């Protein structure tokens, strides 16, 4: 299963998973779930 979720900065900061893009200024935060694995990006 593949899913995309927009999340808040607090959830982004608390996620312990690989990061696709690092935070760099004023951003929108999201996570992608694929077969139970998470990746976060900003």
Protein backbone atom coordinates (compact mmCIF):
# COMPACT_ATOMS: atom_id res chain seq x y z
CA UNK A 1 0.00 0.00 0.00
CA UNK A 2 1.17 3.53 -0.81
CA UNK A 3 -0.11 6.60 1.06
CA UNK A 4 0.87 10.27 1.26
CA UNK A 5 0.02 12.40 4.32
CA UNK A 6 0.51 16.08 5.01
CA UNK A 7 1.66 16.46 8.64
CA UNK A 8 2.58 19.24 11.04
CA UNK A 9 6.08 20.30 12.08
CA UNK A 10 5.74 18.64 15.51
CA UNK A 11 4.92 15.25 13.98
CA UNK A 12 7.73 15.71 11.44
CA UNK A 13 10.21 16.43 14.25
CA UNK A 14 9.05 13.40 16.25
CA UNK A 15 9.13 10.86 13.39
CA UNK A 16 12.09 8.50 13.65
CA UNK A 17 12.43 7.52 10.00
CA UNK A 18 14.62 8.40 7.01
CA UNK A 19 14.26 11.90 5.59
CA UNK A 20 14.01 12.42 1.84
CA UNK A 21 14.52 16.21 1.99
CA UNK A 22 15.86 18.12 5.01
CA UNK A 23 14.07 21.10 6.54
CA UNK A 24 15.30 24.37 5.03
CA UNK A 25 13.13 27.34 5.97
CA UNK A 26 9.36 27.71 5.80
CA UNK A 27 8.01 24.39 4.46
CA UNK A 28 5.10 22.02 4.23
CA UNK A 29 5.73 18.69 5.95
CA UNK A 30 4.66 15.27 4.77
CA UNK A 31 5.25 11.56 5.13
CA UNK A 32 4.97 8.72 2.67
CA UNK A 33 4.02 5.22 3.77
CA UNK A 34 4.85 2.26 1.54
CA UNK A 35 4.25 -1.29 2.76
CA UNK A 36 4.56 -0.18 6.39
CA UNK A 37 7.77 1.83 5.90
CA UNK A 38 7.80 5.61 6.41
CA UNK A 39 9.81 8.41 4.78
CA UNK A 40 9.40 12.02 5.83
CA UNK A 41 10.17 15.18 3.91
CA UNK A 42 9.77 18.92 4.14
